[in-house]
């Protein structure tokens, strides 16, 4: 990997802690059959992890599109694979529809989410959070920001 400036570990740690908390909440929602919220929280958990990494690099990390955020961190030398981009695209679909009753022309969002959809979203989020953790293992030798 290229030489990087000091990494913002404090900022990263705040975001990854929230990612872990939200991922655990998504798992509980899945276990209790609340598939629509499991999908939204899976998206949020992955977004928090990727934003934490981006903010650690000092990037602005704005917006909510995981795919775009992954592409941004790849410009910092992080080896983002096609699989992570695919997981990001899957999760990006769960940012707005689970939260808004008018996201679909008829019915409510909860009617459009089922267990397989929630399982796939949770698995994608877990893979992204784990990838962020793997990437961070490679940066452990870099100086902290304080």
N, C-alpha and C. Protein backbone atom coordinates (compact mmCIF):
# COMPACT_ATOMS: atom_id res chain seq x y z
N UNK A 1 0.83 -1.19 0.00
CA UNK A 1 0.00 0.00 0.00
C UNK A 1 0.87 1.24 0.00
N UNK A 2 0.36 2.33 -0.56
CA UNK A 2 1.15 3.55 -0.60
C UNK A 2 1.34 4.14 0.80
N UNK A 3 2.31 5.02 0.90
CA UNK A 3 2.54 5.71 2.16
C UNK A 3 1.35 6.64 2.45
N UNK A 4 0.82 6.53 3.66
CA UNK A 4 -0.37 7.29 4.02
C UNK A 4 -0.06 8.31 5.11
N UNK A 5 -0.82 9.38 5.18
CA UNK A 5 -0.66 10.34 6.27
C UNK A 5 -1.14 9.69 7.57
N UNK A 6 -0.90 10.34 8.70
CA UNK A 6 -1.40 9.78 9.96
C UNK A 6 -2.89 9.48 9.86
N UNK A 7 -3.25 8.35 10.39
CA UNK A 7 -4.63 7.89 10.32
C UNK A 7 -5.40 8.35 11.55
N UNK A 8 -6.63 8.76 11.37
CA UNK A 8 -7.47 9.23 12.48
C UNK A 8 -8.12 8.08 13.21
N UNK A 9 -7.35 7.41 14.05
CA UNK A 9 -7.85 6.23 14.76
C UNK A 9 -9.01 6.54 15.68
N UNK A 10 -8.98 7.67 16.36
CA UNK A 10 -10.08 8.01 17.27
C UNK A 10 -11.40 8.12 16.52
N UNK A 11 -11.37 8.78 15.38
CA UNK A 11 -12.58 8.92 14.57
C UNK A 11 -13.02 7.56 14.03
N UNK A 12 -12.07 6.79 13.53
CA UNK A 12 -12.40 5.45 13.03
C UNK A 12 -13.05 4.62 14.12
N UNK A 13 -12.49 4.61 15.31
CA UNK A 13 -13.00 3.78 16.40
C UNK A 13 -14.43 4.17 16.80
N UNK A 14 -14.75 5.46 16.75
CA UNK A 14 -16.13 5.89 17.04
C UNK A 14 -17.11 5.27 16.06
N UNK A 15 -16.75 5.33 14.78
CA UNK A 15 -17.65 4.85 13.73
C UNK A 15 -17.76 3.32 13.72
N UNK A 16 -16.65 2.63 13.92
CA UNK A 16 -16.71 1.16 13.88
C UNK A 16 -17.48 0.63 15.09
N UNK A 17 -17.40 1.31 16.22
CA UNK A 17 -18.19 0.91 17.39
C UNK A 17 -19.68 1.03 17.09
N UNK A 18 -20.06 2.12 16.42
CA UNK A 18 -21.47 2.28 16.06
C UNK A 18 -21.88 1.24 15.02
N UNK A 19 -20.98 0.90 14.10
CA UNK A 19 -21.28 -0.14 13.11
C UNK A 19 -21.55 -1.47 13.82
N UNK A 20 -20.72 -1.82 14.78
CA UNK A 20 -20.91 -3.08 15.52
C UNK A 20 -22.25 -3.08 16.26
N UNK A 21 -22.56 -1.98 16.91
CA UNK A 21 -23.82 -1.86 17.66
C UNK A 21 -25.02 -2.01 16.72
N UNK A 22 -24.97 -1.35 15.59
CA UNK A 22 -26.08 -1.37 14.65
C UNK A 22 -26.21 -2.74 13.98
N UNK A 23 -25.09 -3.39 13.72
CA UNK A 23 -25.13 -4.74 13.16
C UNK A 23 -25.79 -5.71 14.14
N UNK A 24 -25.47 -5.59 15.42
CA UNK A 24 -26.10 -6.44 16.43
C UNK A 24 -27.61 -6.18 16.49
N UNK A 25 -28.00 -4.92 16.37
CA UNK A 25 -29.41 -4.57 16.37
C UNK A 25 -30.11 -5.16 15.14
N UNK A 26 -29.46 -5.12 14.00
CA UNK A 26 -30.02 -5.71 12.78
C UNK A 26 -30.21 -7.21 12.94
N UNK A 27 -29.26 -7.87 13.58
CA UNK A 27 -29.40 -9.31 13.83
C UNK A 27 -30.63 -9.59 14.70
N UNK A 28 -30.83 -8.78 15.74
CA UNK A 28 -32.00 -8.97 16.61
C UNK A 28 -33.29 -8.76 15.83
N UNK A 29 -33.31 -7.75 14.96
CA UNK A 29 -34.50 -7.53 14.13
C UNK A 29 -34.77 -8.73 13.24
N UNK A 30 -33.74 -9.28 12.64
CA UNK A 30 -33.90 -10.46 11.80
C UNK A 30 -34.47 -11.62 12.61
N UNK A 31 -33.92 -11.84 13.79
CA UNK A 31 -34.38 -12.95 14.65
C UNK A 31 -35.84 -12.78 15.07
N UNK A 32 -36.29 -11.54 15.17
CA UNK A 32 -37.67 -11.27 15.59
C UNK A 32 -38.62 -11.03 14.41
N UNK A 33 -38.14 -11.26 13.21
CA UNK A 33 -39.00 -11.16 12.04
C UNK A 33 -39.27 -9.75 11.55
N UNK A 34 -38.50 -8.79 12.02
CA UNK A 34 -38.66 -7.41 11.55
C UNK A 34 -37.68 -7.19 10.39
N UNK A 35 -38.02 -7.76 9.26
CA UNK A 35 -37.10 -7.83 8.12
C UNK A 35 -36.82 -6.47 7.50
N UNK A 36 -37.81 -5.60 7.46
CA UNK A 36 -37.61 -4.29 6.86
C UNK A 36 -36.56 -3.50 7.64
N UNK A 37 -36.63 -3.52 8.97
CA UNK A 37 -35.64 -2.79 9.77
C UNK A 37 -34.30 -3.48 9.79
N UNK A 38 -34.28 -4.80 9.70
CA UNK A 38 -33.01 -5.53 9.61
C UNK A 38 -32.25 -5.08 8.37
N UNK A 39 -32.96 -4.89 7.26
CA UNK A 39 -32.31 -4.46 6.02
C UNK A 39 -31.78 -3.04 6.15
N UNK A 40 -32.58 -2.14 6.70
CA UNK A 40 -32.12 -0.76 6.84
C UNK A 40 -30.92 -0.70 7.77
N UNK A 41 -30.99 -1.39 8.89
CA UNK A 41 -29.87 -1.35 9.85
C UNK A 41 -28.62 -2.02 9.28
N UNK A 42 -28.79 -3.03 8.46
CA UNK A 42 -27.63 -3.64 7.81
C UNK A 42 -26.94 -2.61 6.92
N UNK A 43 -27.74 -1.85 6.17
CA UNK A 43 -27.17 -0.78 5.34
C UNK A 43 -26.44 0.23 6.20
N UNK A 44 -27.07 0.62 7.30
CA UNK A 44 -26.47 1.62 8.18
C UNK A 44 -25.15 1.12 8.77
N UNK A 45 -25.12 -0.13 9.22
CA UNK A 45 -23.90 -0.68 9.82
C UNK A 45 -22.74 -0.64 8.84
N UNK A 46 -22.99 -1.06 7.61
CA UNK A 46 -21.93 -1.04 6.60
C UNK A 46 -21.52 0.40 6.28
N UNK A 47 -22.50 1.28 6.19
CA UNK A 47 -22.19 2.69 5.93
C UNK A 47 -21.32 3.27 7.05
N UNK A 48 -21.63 2.97 8.31
CA UNK A 48 -20.84 3.47 9.42
C UNK A 48 -19.40 2.97 9.34
N UNK A 49 -19.23 1.69 9.03
CA UNK A 49 -17.88 1.13 8.96
C UNK A 49 -17.07 1.80 7.86
N UNK A 50 -17.66 1.94 6.68
CA UNK A 50 -16.95 2.54 5.55
C UNK A 50 -16.70 4.03 5.80
N UNK A 51 -17.68 4.72 6.37
CA UNK A 51 -17.49 6.14 6.70
C UNK A 51 -16.39 6.30 7.75
N UNK A 52 -16.33 5.40 8.70
CA UNK A 52 -15.28 5.48 9.70
C UNK A 52 -13.91 5.38 9.07
N UNK A 53 -13.77 4.48 8.12
CA UNK A 53 -12.51 4.33 7.42
C UNK A 53 -12.19 5.60 6.61
N UNK A 54 -13.18 6.09 5.89
CA UNK A 54 -12.97 7.31 5.09
C UNK A 54 -12.61 8.49 5.98
N UNK A 55 -13.31 8.65 7.09
CA UNK A 55 -13.01 9.76 8.00
C UNK A 55 -11.65 9.60 8.65
N UNK A 56 -11.26 8.36 8.89
CA UNK A 56 -9.92 8.12 9.41
C UNK A 56 -8.86 8.65 8.45
N UNK A 57 -9.13 8.55 7.16
CA UNK A 57 -8.22 9.06 6.14
C UNK A 57 -8.35 10.57 5.96
N UNK A 58 -9.31 11.17 6.65
CA UNK A 58 -9.52 12.60 6.51
C UNK A 58 -10.42 12.97 5.34
N UNK A 59 -11.09 11.98 4.75
CA UNK A 59 -12.01 12.25 3.65
C UNK A 59 -13.33 12.75 4.23
N UNK A 60 -14.09 13.55 3.47
CA UNK A 60 -15.33 14.11 4.01
C UNK A 60 -16.41 13.07 4.29
N UNK A 61 -16.45 11.98 3.55
CA UNK A 61 -17.41 10.88 3.76
C UNK A 61 -18.84 11.39 3.88
N UNK A 62 -19.29 12.10 2.87
CA UNK A 62 -20.66 12.61 2.87
C UNK A 62 -21.56 11.67 2.08
N UNK A 63 -22.85 11.82 2.28
CA UNK A 63 -23.81 10.98 1.57
C UNK A 63 -23.97 9.63 2.24
N UNK A 64 -24.75 8.78 1.60
CA UNK A 64 -25.09 7.49 2.21
C UNK A 64 -24.85 6.31 1.29
N UNK A 65 -24.31 6.54 0.11
CA UNK A 65 -24.09 5.47 -0.86
C UNK A 65 -22.80 4.72 -0.52
N UNK A 66 -22.95 3.52 -0.05
CA UNK A 66 -21.79 2.71 0.34
C UNK A 66 -20.89 2.47 -0.86
N UNK A 67 -21.47 2.21 -2.01
CA UNK A 67 -20.68 1.96 -3.22
C UNK A 67 -19.76 3.14 -3.52
N UNK A 68 -20.30 4.35 -3.48
CA UNK A 68 -19.49 5.54 -3.74
C UNK A 68 -18.42 5.71 -2.67
N UNK A 69 -18.78 5.49 -1.42
CA UNK A 69 -17.80 5.62 -0.34
C UNK A 69 -16.66 4.62 -0.50
N UNK A 70 -16.99 3.39 -0.91
CA UNK A 70 -15.95 2.39 -1.15
C UNK A 70 -15.02 2.83 -2.27
N UNK A 71 -15.59 3.40 -3.32
CA UNK A 71 -14.76 3.90 -4.43
C UNK A 71 -13.85 5.02 -3.96
N UNK A 72 -14.36 5.88 -3.07
CA UNK A 72 -13.53 6.97 -2.55
C UNK A 72 -12.36 6.45 -1.73
N UNK A 73 -12.61 5.46 -0.88
CA UNK A 73 -11.49 4.96 -0.07
C UNK A 73 -10.49 4.17 -0.92
N UNK A 74 -10.95 3.65 -2.05
CA UNK A 74 -10.01 2.95 -2.92
C UNK A 74 -8.97 3.92 -3.48
N UNK A 75 -9.31 5.20 -3.57
CA UNK A 75 -8.34 6.19 -4.04
C UNK A 75 -7.24 6.42 -3.02
N UNK A 76 -7.43 5.95 -1.78
CA UNK A 76 -6.42 6.07 -0.74
C UNK A 76 -5.54 4.83 -0.67
N UNK A 77 -5.71 3.93 -1.63
CA UNK A 77 -4.88 2.73 -1.67
C UNK A 77 -5.50 1.51 -1.01
N UNK A 78 -6.74 1.61 -0.56
CA UNK A 78 -7.42 0.47 0.04
C UNK A 78 -7.87 -0.47 -1.09
N UNK A 79 -7.51 -1.75 -0.99
CA UNK A 79 -7.84 -2.69 -2.07
C UNK A 79 -9.30 -3.15 -2.04
N UNK A 80 -10.19 -2.32 -2.52
CA UNK A 80 -11.62 -2.65 -2.55
C UNK A 80 -11.87 -3.61 -3.71
N UNK A 81 -12.39 -4.78 -3.39
CA UNK A 81 -12.64 -5.81 -4.40
C UNK A 81 -14.04 -5.65 -5.00
N UNK A 82 -14.24 -6.28 -6.13
CA UNK A 82 -15.55 -6.26 -6.80
C UNK A 82 -16.65 -6.79 -5.89
N UNK A 83 -16.32 -7.77 -5.05
CA UNK A 83 -17.31 -8.35 -4.13
C UNK A 83 -17.81 -7.30 -3.13
N UNK A 84 -16.90 -6.46 -2.64
CA UNK A 84 -17.33 -5.42 -1.70
C UNK A 84 -18.22 -4.39 -2.41
N UNK A 85 -17.88 -4.06 -3.64
CA UNK A 85 -18.73 -3.13 -4.40
C UNK A 85 -20.11 -3.75 -4.65
N UNK A 86 -20.15 -5.03 -4.92
CA UNK A 86 -21.43 -5.72 -5.12
C UNK A 86 -22.24 -5.69 -3.84
N UNK A 87 -21.60 -5.96 -2.69
CA UNK A 87 -22.31 -5.89 -1.41
C UNK A 87 -22.79 -4.47 -1.15
N UNK A 88 -21.98 -3.48 -1.50
CA UNK A 88 -22.39 -2.09 -1.33
C UNK A 88 -23.62 -1.76 -2.14
N UNK A 89 -23.65 -2.22 -3.39
CA UNK A 89 -24.82 -1.97 -4.24
C UNK A 89 -26.07 -2.63 -3.67
N UNK A 90 -25.94 -3.85 -3.17
CA UNK A 90 -27.07 -4.54 -2.56
C UNK A 90 -27.60 -3.72 -1.38
N UNK A 91 -26.70 -3.26 -0.53
CA UNK A 91 -27.12 -2.51 0.66
C UNK A 91 -27.63 -1.12 0.33
N UNK A 92 -27.09 -0.48 -0.69
CA UNK A 92 -27.55 0.85 -1.07
C UNK A 92 -29.04 0.85 -1.39
N UNK A 93 -29.57 -0.28 -1.84
CA UNK A 93 -30.99 -0.39 -2.16
C UNK A 93 -31.88 -0.34 -0.92
N UNK A 94 -31.28 -0.49 0.25
CA UNK A 94 -32.07 -0.54 1.49
C UNK A 94 -31.97 0.74 2.31
N UNK A 95 -31.48 1.81 1.72
CA UNK A 95 -31.36 3.05 2.47
C UNK A 95 -32.69 3.81 2.57
N UNK A 96 -33.40 3.96 1.48
CA UNK A 96 -34.64 4.73 1.51
C UNK A 96 -35.91 3.87 1.62
N UNK A 97 -36.10 2.84 0.81
CA UNK A 97 -37.37 2.12 0.82
C UNK A 97 -37.84 1.58 2.18
N UNK A 98 -36.96 1.09 3.05
CA UNK A 98 -37.50 0.59 4.33
C UNK A 98 -38.12 1.66 5.22
N UNK A 99 -37.78 2.92 4.98
CA UNK A 99 -38.17 3.98 5.92
C UNK A 99 -39.38 4.79 5.51
N UNK A 100 -39.79 4.71 4.25
CA UNK A 100 -40.84 5.60 3.79
C UNK A 100 -42.04 4.83 3.26
N UNK A 101 -43.23 5.07 3.83
CA UNK A 101 -44.43 4.37 3.38
C UNK A 101 -44.76 4.60 1.91
N UNK A 102 -44.29 5.70 1.33
CA UNK A 102 -44.57 5.95 -0.08
C UNK A 102 -43.43 5.53 -1.01
N UNK A 103 -42.52 4.71 -0.51
CA UNK A 103 -41.41 4.26 -1.35
C UNK A 103 -41.90 3.33 -2.47
N UNK A 104 -43.02 2.69 -2.26
CA UNK A 104 -43.63 1.82 -3.26
C UNK A 104 -44.98 2.41 -3.65
N UNK A 105 -45.41 2.15 -4.86
CA UNK A 105 -46.66 2.74 -5.34
C UNK A 105 -47.87 2.26 -4.56
N UNK A 106 -47.80 1.06 -4.01
CA UNK A 106 -48.88 0.53 -3.19
C UNK A 106 -48.28 -0.23 -2.02
N UNK A 107 -49.03 -0.33 -0.96
CA UNK A 107 -48.58 -1.08 0.20
C UNK A 107 -47.55 -0.32 1.02
N UNK A 108 -47.11 -0.96 2.07
CA UNK A 108 -46.10 -0.39 2.97
C UNK A 108 -44.79 -1.15 2.80
N UNK A 109 -43.68 -0.50 3.11
CA UNK A 109 -42.38 -1.16 2.93
C UNK A 109 -42.29 -2.54 3.58
N UNK A 110 -42.87 -2.70 4.76
CA UNK A 110 -42.76 -3.98 5.47
C UNK A 110 -43.34 -5.14 4.65
N UNK A 111 -44.23 -4.85 3.70
CA UNK A 111 -44.81 -5.89 2.86
C UNK A 111 -43.85 -6.39 1.78
N UNK A 112 -42.78 -5.64 1.54
CA UNK A 112 -41.86 -5.97 0.46
C UNK A 112 -40.57 -6.63 0.94
N UNK A 113 -40.45 -6.84 2.23
CA UNK A 113 -39.24 -7.41 2.82
C UNK A 113 -39.56 -8.75 3.46
N UNK A 114 -38.64 -9.71 3.23
CA UNK A 114 -38.83 -11.04 3.79
C UNK A 114 -37.52 -11.54 4.39
N UNK A 115 -37.56 -12.72 4.96
CA UNK A 115 -36.39 -13.26 5.64
C UNK A 115 -35.19 -13.43 4.72
N UNK A 116 -35.34 -14.01 3.52
CA UNK A 116 -34.16 -14.13 2.65
C UNK A 116 -33.53 -12.79 2.28
N UNK A 117 -34.37 -11.77 2.08
CA UNK A 117 -33.84 -10.44 1.77
C UNK A 117 -33.04 -9.90 2.94
N UNK A 118 -33.59 -10.05 4.14
CA UNK A 118 -32.90 -9.56 5.34
C UNK A 118 -31.61 -10.35 5.59
N UNK A 119 -31.65 -11.65 5.38
CA UNK A 119 -30.44 -12.47 5.56
C UNK A 119 -29.35 -12.03 4.58
N UNK A 120 -29.74 -11.76 3.34
CA UNK A 120 -28.76 -11.33 2.34
C UNK A 120 -28.18 -9.97 2.71
N UNK A 121 -29.01 -9.06 3.18
CA UNK A 121 -28.53 -7.73 3.57
C UNK A 121 -27.59 -7.84 4.77
N UNK A 122 -27.96 -8.63 5.74
CA UNK A 122 -27.12 -8.78 6.93
C UNK A 122 -25.78 -9.42 6.57
N UNK A 123 -25.80 -10.43 5.71
CA UNK A 123 -24.55 -11.08 5.28
C UNK A 123 -23.65 -10.08 4.54
N UNK A 124 -24.25 -9.27 3.68
CA UNK A 124 -23.46 -8.26 2.94
C UNK A 124 -22.85 -7.25 3.90
N UNK A 125 -23.62 -6.80 4.89
CA UNK A 125 -23.10 -5.84 5.87
C UNK A 125 -21.98 -6.47 6.68
N UNK A 126 -22.15 -7.71 7.09
CA UNK A 126 -21.10 -8.38 7.86
C UNK A 126 -19.82 -8.50 7.05
N UNK A 127 -19.94 -8.80 5.75
CA UNK A 127 -18.75 -8.90 4.90
C UNK A 127 -18.05 -7.55 4.78
N UNK A 128 -18.81 -6.48 4.64
CA UNK A 128 -18.19 -5.16 4.52
C UNK A 128 -17.52 -4.76 5.82
N UNK A 129 -18.19 -4.95 6.94
CA UNK A 129 -17.58 -4.60 8.23
C UNK A 129 -16.31 -5.42 8.45
N UNK A 130 -16.36 -6.69 8.10
CA UNK A 130 -15.16 -7.53 8.24
C UNK A 130 -14.05 -7.07 7.31
N UNK A 131 -14.39 -6.66 6.10
CA UNK A 131 -13.38 -6.15 5.16
C UNK A 131 -12.73 -4.89 5.72
N UNK A 132 -13.53 -4.01 6.31
CA UNK A 132 -12.98 -2.81 6.92
C UNK A 132 -12.00 -3.20 8.03
N UNK A 133 -12.36 -4.18 8.83
CA UNK A 133 -11.45 -4.64 9.90
C UNK A 133 -10.15 -5.21 9.33
N UNK A 134 -10.25 -5.98 8.25
CA UNK A 134 -9.05 -6.53 7.61
C UNK A 134 -8.16 -5.41 7.08
N UNK A 135 -8.78 -4.42 6.44
CA UNK A 135 -8.00 -3.31 5.91
C UNK A 135 -7.29 -2.58 7.04
N UNK A 136 -7.95 -2.45 8.17
CA UNK A 136 -7.35 -1.73 9.29
C UNK A 136 -6.16 -2.48 9.87
N UNK A 137 -6.17 -3.79 9.80
CA UNK A 137 -5.02 -4.56 10.27
C UNK A 137 -3.76 -4.19 9.48
N UNK A 138 -3.93 -3.84 8.22
CA UNK A 138 -2.81 -3.45 7.38
C UNK A 138 -2.27 -2.07 7.74
N UNK A 139 -3.06 -1.25 8.41
CA UNK A 139 -2.66 0.12 8.74
C UNK A 139 -2.19 0.27 10.18
N UNK A 140 -2.15 -0.77 10.94
CA UNK A 140 -1.80 -0.67 12.37
C UNK A 140 -0.44 -0.04 12.63
N UNK A 141 0.45 -0.12 11.66
CA UNK A 141 1.78 0.45 11.86
C UNK A 141 1.86 1.95 11.63
N UNK A 142 0.79 2.56 11.16
CA UNK A 142 0.81 3.98 10.88
C UNK A 142 0.55 4.80 12.15
N UNK A 143 1.13 5.97 12.24
CA UNK A 143 0.96 6.78 13.44
C UNK A 143 -0.49 7.21 13.65
N UNK A 144 -0.85 7.33 14.90
CA UNK A 144 -2.19 7.77 15.26
C UNK A 144 -2.26 9.29 15.25
N UNK A 145 -3.49 9.79 15.21
CA UNK A 145 -3.68 11.23 15.21
C UNK A 145 -3.77 11.79 16.63
N UNK A 146 -3.77 10.94 17.62
CA UNK A 146 -3.78 11.43 19.00
C UNK A 146 -4.92 10.98 19.80
